[in-house]
Amino acid sequence: SYVHMLNARLAISEGVSLAASRVTLDKALALDPNNPRATIVLARSLAKDDPDRALELADAVAKEAPAAVQPDLLRFRVMRRRGWQAEADAALTQALAKPVTAATLDEAARFYRARSRIAEARAIEQRAEALAEPGPGRRQASAAMTRGAVDEAIAGYTAAAKTTARPARHYVAIAQLENGRAKYAAAR
């Protein structure tokens, strides 16, 4: 199911026709009809040609995974494309209340600037810059790794994990360092 979904997502991003990628998405959804990732990929692929169906699918994903930002972003993009600014603004506000990427924040800032809401655009741009630049914990971890100071790197990643909305990547880095240290100790 996951492999089918990834293949369909890759096909869509590479410009493969919807019909060809739809076969792969249908396989993923047949194996797991409630798969929110596959459903949102399908919804995004339908957004231009069948926006109402895309919104239905996005609503279904929002019910299955209320913390997911993708349904809100899809709704924002469809509403903006339709020229329904108030609805687009409401969907964007919902999306921005959840953890988002720097690219999403850039898109939001452009939307606000186009509507002459400069103060909001600047605030969003500052959030994007904070995501793009590594914080002190990540900088400490990176510098420690160049010196081979594993304990200091772990301390840096631990500090970084406490200051982000998405700490999982920092904990993965810590686990990899701990695993590497254990393998090194076992080889001695």
N, C-alpha and C. Protein backbone atom coordinates (compact mmCIF):
# COMPACT_ATOMS: atom_id res chain seq x y z
N SER A 1 0.83 -1.19 0.00
CA SER A 1 0.00 0.00 0.00
C SER A 1 0.88 1.26 0.00
N TYR A 2 1.86 1.30 0.91
CA TYR A 2 2.73 2.46 1.01
C TYR A 2 3.57 2.61 -0.26
N VAL A 3 4.05 1.50 -0.80
CA VAL A 3 4.86 1.53 -2.01
C VAL A 3 4.03 2.02 -3.19
N HIS A 4 2.79 1.55 -3.30
CA HIS A 4 1.91 2.00 -4.38
C HIS A 4 1.66 3.50 -4.27
N MET A 5 1.45 3.97 -3.04
CA MET A 5 1.20 5.39 -2.84
C MET A 5 2.42 6.21 -3.23
N LEU A 6 3.62 5.77 -2.84
CA LEU A 6 4.83 6.50 -3.21
C LEU A 6 5.05 6.50 -4.72
N ASN A 7 4.79 5.38 -5.37
CA ASN A 7 4.93 5.32 -6.82
C ASN A 7 3.97 6.29 -7.50
N ALA A 8 2.74 6.35 -7.02
CA ALA A 8 1.77 7.27 -7.60
C ALA A 8 2.19 8.71 -7.37
N ARG A 9 2.66 9.01 -6.19
CA ARG A 9 3.10 10.37 -5.87
C ARG A 9 4.26 10.78 -6.76
N LEU A 10 5.21 9.88 -6.97
CA LEU A 10 6.34 10.15 -7.84
C LEU A 10 5.87 10.36 -9.27
N ALA A 11 4.96 9.52 -9.72
CA ALA A 11 4.44 9.65 -11.09
C ALA A 11 3.77 11.00 -11.30
N ILE A 12 2.97 11.42 -10.34
CA ILE A 12 2.28 12.70 -10.45
C ILE A 12 3.28 13.84 -10.48
N SER A 13 4.28 13.79 -9.61
CA SER A 13 5.27 14.87 -9.56
C SER A 13 6.11 14.94 -10.82
N GLU A 14 6.25 13.81 -11.52
CA GLU A 14 7.03 13.78 -12.75
C GLU A 14 6.18 14.06 -13.98
N GLY A 15 4.93 14.40 -13.78
CA GLY A 15 4.08 14.77 -14.89
C GLY A 15 3.41 13.62 -15.61
N VAL A 16 3.44 12.43 -15.03
CA VAL A 16 2.76 11.29 -15.64
C VAL A 16 1.26 11.59 -15.61
N SER A 17 0.55 11.14 -16.61
CA SER A 17 -0.88 11.45 -16.69
C SER A 17 -1.61 10.95 -15.45
N LEU A 18 -2.69 11.63 -15.17
CA LEU A 18 -3.51 11.24 -14.01
C LEU A 18 -4.01 9.82 -14.17
N ALA A 19 -4.38 9.43 -15.40
CA ALA A 19 -4.90 8.08 -15.61
C ALA A 19 -3.86 7.03 -15.24
N ALA A 20 -2.61 7.26 -15.63
CA ALA A 20 -1.55 6.28 -15.32
C ALA A 20 -1.25 6.24 -13.83
N SER A 21 -1.16 7.39 -13.20
CA SER A 21 -0.85 7.41 -11.77
C SER A 21 -2.07 7.00 -10.95
N ARG A 22 -3.24 7.20 -11.48
CA ARG A 22 -4.47 6.84 -10.78
C ARG A 22 -4.54 5.33 -10.55
N VAL A 23 -4.03 4.55 -11.49
CA VAL A 23 -4.02 3.09 -11.35
C VAL A 23 -3.24 2.71 -10.10
N THR A 24 -2.09 3.34 -9.92
CA THR A 24 -1.26 3.04 -8.76
C THR A 24 -1.92 3.52 -7.47
N LEU A 25 -2.53 4.70 -7.52
CA LEU A 25 -3.24 5.19 -6.34
C LEU A 25 -4.41 4.27 -5.99
N ASP A 26 -5.11 3.81 -7.00
CA ASP A 26 -6.23 2.90 -6.74
C ASP A 26 -5.76 1.61 -6.07
N LYS A 27 -4.58 1.12 -6.46
CA LYS A 27 -4.02 -0.06 -5.80
C LYS A 27 -3.76 0.22 -4.33
N ALA A 28 -3.17 1.39 -4.05
CA ALA A 28 -2.88 1.75 -2.66
C ALA A 28 -4.17 1.87 -1.86
N LEU A 29 -5.17 2.50 -2.44
CA LEU A 29 -6.44 2.69 -1.73
C LEU A 29 -7.22 1.38 -1.61
N ALA A 30 -7.05 0.47 -2.56
CA ALA A 30 -7.71 -0.84 -2.46
C ALA A 30 -7.14 -1.64 -1.28
N LEU A 31 -5.83 -1.51 -1.08
CA LEU A 31 -5.20 -2.21 0.04
C LEU A 31 -5.52 -1.56 1.38
N ASP A 32 -5.70 -0.25 1.37
CA ASP A 32 -6.00 0.48 2.60
C ASP A 32 -6.90 1.66 2.26
N PRO A 33 -8.22 1.46 2.25
CA PRO A 33 -9.15 2.51 1.81
C PRO A 33 -9.10 3.78 2.68
N ASN A 34 -8.62 3.67 3.90
CA ASN A 34 -8.56 4.83 4.78
C ASN A 34 -7.16 5.43 4.88
N ASN A 35 -6.32 5.15 3.90
CA ASN A 35 -4.95 5.65 3.92
C ASN A 35 -4.97 7.15 3.63
N PRO A 36 -4.71 7.99 4.66
CA PRO A 36 -4.80 9.43 4.44
C PRO A 36 -3.76 9.95 3.45
N ARG A 37 -2.58 9.35 3.43
CA ARG A 37 -1.55 9.83 2.48
C ARG A 37 -1.99 9.59 1.04
N ALA A 38 -2.45 8.39 0.76
CA ALA A 38 -2.88 8.09 -0.60
C ALA A 38 -4.08 8.94 -0.98
N THR A 39 -4.99 9.14 -0.06
CA THR A 39 -6.18 9.94 -0.33
C THR A 39 -5.80 11.39 -0.63
N ILE A 40 -4.87 11.95 0.11
CA ILE A 40 -4.51 13.35 -0.12
C ILE A 40 -3.72 13.49 -1.42
N VAL A 41 -2.91 12.49 -1.77
CA VAL A 41 -2.20 12.52 -3.06
C VAL A 41 -3.23 12.50 -4.19
N LEU A 42 -4.24 11.65 -4.07
CA LEU A 42 -5.30 11.60 -5.07
C LEU A 42 -6.03 12.94 -5.13
N ALA A 43 -6.35 13.50 -3.99
CA ALA A 43 -7.04 14.79 -3.95
C ALA A 43 -6.22 15.88 -4.63
N ARG A 44 -4.92 15.92 -4.35
CA ARG A 44 -4.08 16.94 -4.98
C ARG A 44 -4.02 16.76 -6.50
N SER A 45 -4.03 15.50 -6.94
CA SER A 45 -3.97 15.26 -8.38
C SER A 45 -5.27 15.65 -9.07
N LEU A 46 -6.37 15.67 -8.33
CA LEU A 46 -7.67 16.03 -8.89
C LEU A 46 -7.99 17.52 -8.75
N ALA A 47 -7.20 18.26 -8.00
CA ALA A 47 -7.54 19.63 -7.61
C ALA A 47 -7.84 20.55 -8.79
N LYS A 48 -7.11 20.44 -9.87
CA LYS A 48 -7.34 21.34 -11.02
C LYS A 48 -8.54 20.90 -11.86
N ASP A 49 -8.65 19.59 -12.11
CA ASP A 49 -9.69 19.09 -13.00
C ASP A 49 -11.03 18.86 -12.32
N ASP A 50 -11.01 18.47 -11.06
CA ASP A 50 -12.24 18.18 -10.33
C ASP A 50 -12.11 18.70 -8.89
N PRO A 51 -12.11 20.03 -8.72
CA PRO A 51 -11.85 20.60 -7.39
C PRO A 51 -12.89 20.19 -6.33
N ASP A 52 -14.13 20.00 -6.74
CA ASP A 52 -15.14 19.59 -5.75
C ASP A 52 -14.83 18.21 -5.19
N ARG A 53 -14.44 17.28 -6.06
CA ARG A 53 -14.07 15.94 -5.59
C ARG A 53 -12.81 16.00 -4.74
N ALA A 54 -11.87 16.86 -5.13
CA ALA A 54 -10.64 17.02 -4.34
C ALA A 54 -10.97 17.53 -2.94
N LEU A 55 -11.91 18.46 -2.85
CA LEU A 55 -12.30 18.98 -1.54
C LEU A 55 -13.00 17.91 -0.70
N GLU A 56 -13.81 17.07 -1.34
CA GLU A 56 -14.46 15.97 -0.61
C GLU A 56 -13.41 15.03 -0.02
N LEU A 57 -12.42 14.70 -0.83
CA LEU A 57 -11.36 13.81 -0.35
C LEU A 57 -10.55 14.48 0.77
N ALA A 58 -10.28 15.77 0.62
CA ALA A 58 -9.55 16.50 1.66
C ALA A 58 -10.34 16.50 2.97
N ASP A 59 -11.64 16.67 2.87
CA ASP A 59 -12.48 16.63 4.07
C ASP A 59 -12.42 15.26 4.73
N ALA A 60 -12.39 14.21 3.91
CA ALA A 60 -12.30 12.85 4.46
C ALA A 60 -10.97 12.66 5.19
N VAL A 61 -9.89 13.18 4.61
CA VAL A 61 -8.59 13.07 5.26
C VAL A 61 -8.58 13.88 6.55
N ALA A 62 -9.18 15.05 6.54
CA ALA A 62 -9.22 15.89 7.74
C ALA A 62 -9.95 15.18 8.88
N LYS A 63 -10.97 14.40 8.55
CA LYS A 63 -11.69 13.64 9.58
C LYS A 63 -10.83 12.50 10.12
N GLU A 64 -10.09 11.83 9.23
CA GLU A 64 -9.23 10.71 9.62
C GLU A 64 -7.99 11.17 10.38
N ALA A 65 -7.44 12.30 9.95
CA ALA A 65 -6.19 12.81 10.52
C ALA A 65 -6.33 14.31 10.78
N PRO A 66 -7.00 14.69 11.88
CA PRO A 66 -7.27 16.11 12.12
C PRO A 66 -6.02 16.98 12.29
N ALA A 67 -4.90 16.38 12.64
CA ALA A 67 -3.68 17.18 12.81
C ALA A 67 -2.96 17.40 11.49
N ALA A 68 -3.39 16.75 10.42
CA ALA A 68 -2.73 16.87 9.12
C ALA A 68 -2.96 18.26 8.53
N VAL A 69 -1.93 18.83 8.00
CA VAL A 69 -2.01 20.16 7.42
C VAL A 69 -2.40 20.10 5.94
N GLN A 70 -2.15 18.98 5.26
CA GLN A 70 -2.39 18.88 3.83
C GLN A 70 -3.84 19.17 3.41
N PRO A 71 -4.86 18.69 4.13
CA PRO A 71 -6.23 19.02 3.71
C PRO A 71 -6.50 20.53 3.75
N ASP A 72 -5.98 21.21 4.75
CA ASP A 72 -6.17 22.65 4.84
C ASP A 72 -5.46 23.37 3.70
N LEU A 73 -4.26 22.92 3.38
CA LEU A 73 -3.51 23.53 2.28
C LEU A 73 -4.21 23.30 0.94
N LEU A 74 -4.74 22.10 0.75
CA LEU A 74 -5.46 21.83 -0.49
C LEU A 74 -6.69 22.73 -0.60
N ARG A 75 -7.43 22.84 0.49
CA ARG A 75 -8.61 23.71 0.50
C ARG A 75 -8.20 25.15 0.20
N PHE A 76 -7.12 25.62 0.81
CA PHE A 76 -6.61 26.97 0.55
C PHE A 76 -6.33 27.17 -0.94
N ARG A 77 -5.63 26.22 -1.54
CA ARG A 77 -5.23 26.37 -2.95
C ARG A 77 -6.44 26.32 -3.89
N VAL A 78 -7.38 25.45 -3.60
CA VAL A 78 -8.58 25.37 -4.45
C VAL A 78 -9.39 26.66 -4.31
N MET A 79 -9.57 27.14 -3.12
CA MET A 79 -10.35 28.36 -2.91
C MET A 79 -9.65 29.58 -3.53
N ARG A 80 -8.35 29.63 -3.41
CA ARG A 80 -7.60 30.74 -4.01
C ARG A 80 -7.75 30.69 -5.53
N ARG A 81 -7.64 29.49 -6.09
CA ARG A 81 -7.77 29.34 -7.55
C ARG A 81 -9.16 29.78 -8.02
N ARG A 82 -10.17 29.53 -7.20
CA ARG A 82 -11.53 29.94 -7.55
C ARG A 82 -11.76 31.44 -7.36
N GLY A 83 -10.82 32.09 -6.66
CA GLY A 83 -10.98 33.52 -6.39
C GLY A 83 -11.78 33.80 -5.14
N TRP A 84 -11.99 32.80 -4.34
CA TRP A 84 -12.75 32.94 -3.09
C TRP A 84 -11.77 33.26 -1.97
N GLN A 85 -11.43 34.54 -1.87
CA GLN A 85 -10.36 34.95 -0.97
C GLN A 85 -10.67 34.71 0.51
N ALA A 86 -11.91 34.98 0.93
CA ALA A 86 -12.25 34.80 2.34
C ALA A 86 -12.14 33.33 2.75
N GLU A 87 -12.61 32.43 1.88
CA GLU A 87 -12.53 31.01 2.17
C GLU A 87 -11.08 30.53 2.13
N ALA A 88 -10.32 31.06 1.18
CA ALA A 88 -8.89 30.72 1.11
C ALA A 88 -8.17 31.18 2.37
N ASP A 89 -8.48 32.38 2.81
CA ASP A 89 -7.87 32.92 4.02
C ASP A 89 -8.21 32.07 5.24
N ALA A 90 -9.46 31.63 5.35
CA ALA A 90 -9.86 30.79 6.48
C ALA A 90 -9.11 29.45 6.46
N ALA A 91 -8.98 28.85 5.28
CA ALA A 91 -8.26 27.57 5.19
C ALA A 91 -6.78 27.76 5.50
N LEU A 92 -6.21 28.87 5.04
CA LEU A 92 -4.80 29.13 5.31
C LEU A 92 -4.58 29.36 6.81
N THR A 93 -5.48 30.05 7.45
CA THR A 93 -5.37 30.28 8.89
C THR A 93 -5.37 28.95 9.64
N GLN A 94 -6.23 28.02 9.22
CA GLN A 94 -6.25 26.69 9.84
C GLN A 94 -4.93 25.97 9.60
N ALA A 95 -4.41 26.06 8.39
CA ALA A 95 -3.16 25.38 8.07
C ALA A 95 -2.01 25.95 8.89
N LEU A 96 -1.96 27.26 9.04
CA LEU A 96 -0.85 27.90 9.75
C LEU A 96 -0.88 27.64 11.25
N ALA A 97 -1.99 27.14 11.75
CA ALA A 97 -2.08 26.80 13.17
C ALA A 97 -1.42 25.45 13.46
N LYS A 98 -1.02 24.76 12.39
CA LYS A 98 -0.39 23.44 12.52
C LYS A 98 1.07 23.56 12.09
N PRO A 99 1.89 22.57 12.42
CA PRO A 99 3.28 22.62 11.95
C PRO A 99 3.33 22.57 10.41
N VAL A 100 4.04 23.53 9.84
CA VAL A 100 4.14 23.63 8.38
C VAL A 100 5.60 23.78 7.97
N THR A 101 5.84 23.61 6.69
CA THR A 101 7.19 23.75 6.15
C THR A 101 7.48 25.20 5.81
N ALA A 102 8.75 25.49 5.59
CA ALA A 102 9.15 26.83 5.19
C ALA A 102 8.52 27.19 3.84
N ALA A 103 8.41 26.22 2.95
CA ALA A 103 7.80 26.48 1.64
C ALA A 103 6.34 26.89 1.79
N THR A 104 5.62 26.25 2.68
CA THR A 104 4.23 26.61 2.93
C THR A 104 4.14 28.02 3.50
N LEU A 105 5.06 28.35 4.40
CA LEU A 105 5.07 29.69 4.97
C LEU A 105 5.38 30.74 3.90
N ASP A 106 6.27 30.42 2.98
CA ASP A 106 6.55 31.34 1.87
C ASP A 106 5.31 31.56 1.02
N GLU A 107 4.59 30.48 0.73
CA GLU A 107 3.35 30.60 -0.05
C GLU A 107 2.33 31.46 0.70
N ALA A 108 2.23 31.28 2.00
CA ALA A 108 1.30 32.08 2.81
C ALA A 108 1.70 33.55 2.80
N ALA A 109 2.98 33.82 2.92
CA ALA A 109 3.45 35.21 2.90
C ALA A 109 3.12 35.87 1.56
N ARG A 110 3.31 35.15 0.46
CA ARG A 110 2.96 35.70 -0.86
C ARG A 110 1.47 36.01 -0.95
N PHE A 111 0.65 35.10 -0.39
CA PHE A 111 -0.80 35.31 -0.40
C PHE A 111 -1.15 36.59 0.36
N TYR A 112 -0.57 36.76 1.55
CA TYR A 112 -0.86 37.95 2.36
C TYR A 112 -0.35 39.21 1.68
N ARG A 113 0.83 39.15 1.08
CA ARG A 113 1.36 40.33 0.38
C ARG A 113 0.45 40.72 -0.78
N ALA A 114 -0.04 39.74 -1.51
CA ALA A 114 -0.93 40.02 -2.65
C ALA A 114 -2.23 40.67 -2.18
N ARG A 115 -2.60 40.44 -0.95
CA ARG A 115 -3.82 41.05 -0.39
C ARG A 115 -3.50 42.30 0.41
N SER A 116 -2.25 42.79 0.29
CA SER A 116 -1.78 44.00 0.99
C SER A 116 -1.86 43.87 2.50
N ARG A 117 -1.64 42.69 3.00
CA ARG A 117 -1.61 42.46 4.45
C ARG A 117 -0.15 42.26 4.83
N ILE A 118 0.58 43.37 4.76
CA ILE A 118 2.03 43.36 4.89
C ILE A 118 2.50 42.90 6.26
N ALA A 119 1.86 43.35 7.32
CA ALA A 119 2.29 42.96 8.67
C ALA A 119 2.19 41.45 8.86
N GLU A 120 1.09 40.87 8.37
CA GLU A 120 0.94 39.41 8.48
C GLU A 120 1.97 38.69 7.62
N ALA A 121 2.23 39.24 6.44
CA ALA A 121 3.23 38.63 5.56
C ALA A 121 4.61 38.64 6.22
N ARG A 122 4.96 39.74 6.85
CA ARG A 122 6.26 39.81 7.52
C ARG A 122 6.36 38.82 8.67
N ALA A 123 5.29 38.69 9.44
CA ALA A 123 5.30 37.73 10.56
C ALA A 123 5.48 36.31 10.04
N ILE A 124 4.81 35.98 8.95
CA ILE A 124 4.93 34.65 8.34
C ILE A 124 6.35 34.45 7.80
N GLU A 125 6.92 35.47 7.19
CA GLU A 125 8.28 35.38 6.66
C GLU A 125 9.29 35.13 7.78
N GLN A 126 9.05 35.75 8.94
CA GLN A 126 9.94 35.51 10.08
C GLN A 126 9.84 34.05 10.55
N ARG A 127 8.63 33.49 10.55
CA ARG A 127 8.47 32.08 10.89
C ARG A 127 9.23 31.20 9.90
N ALA A 128 9.16 31.55 8.61
CA ALA A 128 9.86 30.77 7.58
C ALA A 128 11.37 30.84 7.78
N GLU A 129 11.87 32.02 8.09
CA GLU A 129 13.31 32.17 8.33
C GLU A 129 13.76 31.35 9.53
N ALA A 130 12.93 31.33 10.57
CA ALA A 130 13.28 30.55 11.76
C ALA A 130 13.35 29.05 11.44
N LEU A 131 12.48 28.60 10.54
CA LEU A 131 12.52 27.19 10.15
C LEU A 131 13.72 26.89 9.26
N ALA A 132 14.05 27.84 8.40
CA ALA A 132 15.12 27.61 7.44
C ALA A 132 16.51 27.62 8.09
N GLU A 133 16.68 28.46 9.08
CA GLU A 133 17.99 28.56 9.72
C GLU A 133 18.07 27.58 10.88
N PRO A 134 19.18 26.88 10.99
CA PRO A 134 19.30 25.98 12.13
C PRO A 134 19.42 26.77 13.43
N GLY A 135 18.76 26.28 14.45
CA GLY A 135 18.83 26.92 15.76
C GLY A 135 20.15 26.61 16.44
N PRO A 136 20.36 27.14 17.63
CA PRO A 136 21.62 26.93 18.32
C PRO A 136 21.91 25.46 18.61
N GLY A 137 20.89 24.67 18.91
CA GLY A 137 21.10 23.26 19.19
C GLY A 137 21.61 22.50 17.98
N ARG A 138 20.99 22.76 16.82
CA ARG A 138 21.45 22.10 15.59
C ARG A 138 22.84 22.57 15.20
N ARG A 139 23.13 23.85 15.40
CA ARG A 139 24.47 24.35 15.09
C ARG A 139 25.50 23.68 16.00
N GLN A 140 25.16 23.54 17.29
CA GLN A 140 26.06 22.88 18.25
C GLN A 140 26.29 21.43 17.82
N ALA A 141 25.23 20.73 17.44
CA ALA A 141 25.34 19.34 17.04
C ALA A 141 26.20 19.21 15.78
N SER A 142 25.99 20.08 14.84
CA SER A 142 26.75 20.03 13.60
C SER A 142 28.24 20.28 13.85
N ALA A 143 28.54 21.30 14.64
CA ALA A 143 29.94 21.61 14.95
C ALA A 143 30.58 20.46 15.72
N ALA A 144 29.84 19.87 16.64
CA ALA A 144 30.38 18.75 17.43
C ALA A 144 30.67 17.55 16.54
N MET A 145 29.81 17.31 15.57
CA MET A 145 30.01 16.17 14.68
C MET A 145 31.28 16.35 13.84
N THR A 146 31.57 17.58 13.43
CA THR A 146 32.79 17.78 12.65
C THR A 146 34.04 17.49 13.47
N ARG A 147 33.92 17.63 14.79
CA ARG A 147 35.04 17.33 15.69
C ARG A 147 35.01 15.89 16.20
N GLY A 148 33.92 15.17 15.91
CA GLY A 148 33.79 13.80 16.40
C GLY A 148 33.36 13.71 17.85
N ALA A 149 32.80 14.79 18.38
CA ALA A 149 32.36 14.82 19.78
C ALA A 149 30.90 14.36 19.85
N VAL A 150 30.72 13.05 19.97
CA VAL A 150 29.39 12.45 19.92
C VAL A 150 28.50 12.92 21.07
N ASP A 151 29.03 12.96 22.29
CA ASP A 151 28.21 13.37 23.43
C ASP A 151 27.73 14.81 23.27
N GLU A 152 28.60 15.67 22.78
CA GLU A 152 28.21 17.07 22.57
C GLU A 152 27.17 17.18 21.45
N ALA A 153 27.32 16.36 20.41
CA ALA A 153 26.34 16.36 19.32
C ALA A 153 24.98 15.90 19.84
N ILE A 154 24.98 14.87 20.67
CA ILE A 154 23.71 14.39 21.25
C ILE A 154 23.07 15.48 22.10
N ALA A 155 23.87 16.20 22.87
CA ALA A 155 23.35 17.31 23.68
C ALA A 155 22.76 18.39 22.77
N GLY A 156 23.42 18.67 21.66
CA GLY A 156 22.90 19.67 20.73
C GLY A 156 21.59 19.25 20.11
N TYR A 157 21.51 18.00 19.66
CA TYR A 157 20.25 17.51 19.09
C TYR A 157 19.13 17.47 20.13
N THR A 158 19.48 17.15 21.37
CA THR A 158 18.48 17.15 22.44
C THR A 158 17.95 18.55 22.66
N ALA A 159 18.83 19.54 22.66
CA ALA A 159 18.40 20.94 22.80
C ALA A 159 17.55 21.36 21.61
N ALA A 160 17.95 20.96 20.42
CA ALA A 160 17.20 21.31 19.22
C ALA A 160 15.80 20.69 19.25
N ALA A 161 15.70 19.46 19.74
CA ALA A 161 14.40 18.79 19.79
C ALA A 161 13.42 19.51 20.70
N LYS A 162 13.94 20.20 21.70
CA LYS A 162 13.07 20.91 22.65
C LYS A 162 12.56 22.24 22.09
N THR A 163 13.13 22.70 20.97
CA THR A 163 12.77 24.02 20.46
C THR A 163 12.07 23.97 19.11
N THR A 164 11.59 22.81 18.70
CA THR A 164 10.94 22.69 17.40
C THR A 164 9.59 22.02 17.53
N ALA A 165 8.74 22.32 16.56
CA ALA A 165 7.42 21.67 16.53
C ALA A 165 7.52 20.24 16.04
N ARG A 166 8.63 19.91 15.37
CA ARG A 166 8.83 18.56 14.84
C ARG A 166 10.15 18.00 15.37
N PRO A 167 10.15 17.51 16.59
CA PRO A 167 11.40 17.04 17.19
C PRO A 167 11.85 15.67 16.70
N ALA A 168 11.02 14.94 15.98
CA ALA A 168 11.35 13.55 15.61
C ALA A 168 12.67 13.44 14.87
N ARG A 169 12.95 14.36 13.95
CA ARG A 169 14.19 14.22 13.18
C ARG A 169 15.42 14.33 14.07
N HIS A 170 15.32 15.12 15.14
CA HIS A 170 16.44 15.26 16.06
C HIS A 170 16.63 13.98 16.89
N TYR A 171 15.51 13.38 17.28
CA TYR A 171 15.60 12.13 18.03
C TYR A 171 16.13 10.99 17.14
N VAL A 172 15.80 11.02 15.87
CA VAL A 172 16.35 10.03 14.94
C VAL A 172 17.87 10.20 14.85
N ALA A 173 18.32 11.45 14.76
CA ALA A 173 19.77 11.70 14.70
C ALA A 173 20.45 11.21 15.98
N ILE A 174 19.81 11.43 17.13
CA ILE A 174 20.36 10.95 18.40
C ILE A 174 20.45 9.43 18.39
N ALA A 175 19.38 8.78 17.93
CA ALA A 175 19.37 7.32 17.88
C ALA A 175 20.46 6.79 16.96
N GLN A 176 20.66 7.46 15.83
CA GLN A 176 21.71 7.03 14.91
C GLN A 176 23.10 7.18 15.55
N LEU A 177 23.30 8.28 16.27
CA LEU A 177 24.58 8.47 16.95
C LEU A 177 24.78 7.40 18.03
N GLU A 178 23.75 7.14 18.81
CA GLU A 178 23.83 6.13 19.86
C GLU A 178 24.09 4.75 19.24
N ASN A 179 23.41 4.45 18.15
CA ASN A 179 23.60 3.17 17.47
C ASN A 179 25.03 3.05 16.94
N GLY A 180 25.51 4.12 16.34
CA GLY A 180 26.89 4.12 15.84
C GLY A 180 27.90 3.94 16.96
N ARG A 181 27.66 4.57 18.09
CA ARG A 181 28.56 4.43 19.25
C ARG A 181 28.54 2.99 19.76
N ALA A 182 27.36 2.38 19.79
CA ALA A 182 27.25 0.99 20.26
C ALA A 182 27.98 0.04 19.32
N LYS A 183 27.85 0.26 18.03
CA LYS A 183 28.57 -0.60 17.06
C LYS A 183 30.07 -0.43 17.20
N TYR A 184 30.50 0.81 17.40
CA TYR A 184 31.93 1.09 17.55
C TYR A 184 32.46 0.40 18.81
N ALA A 185 31.70 0.48 19.91
CA ALA A 185 32.11 -0.16 21.17
C ALA A 185 32.15 -1.68 21.03
N ALA A 186 31.19 -2.24 20.30
CA ALA A 186 31.14 -3.69 20.11
C ALA A 186 32.31 -4.18 19.25
N ALA A 187 32.77 -3.33 18.34
CA ALA A 187 33.88 -3.72 17.46
C ALA A 187 35.21 -3.67 18.18
N ARG A 188 35.30 -3.00 19.30
CA ARG A 188 36.56 -2.89 20.04
C ARG A 188 36.92 -4.16 20.64
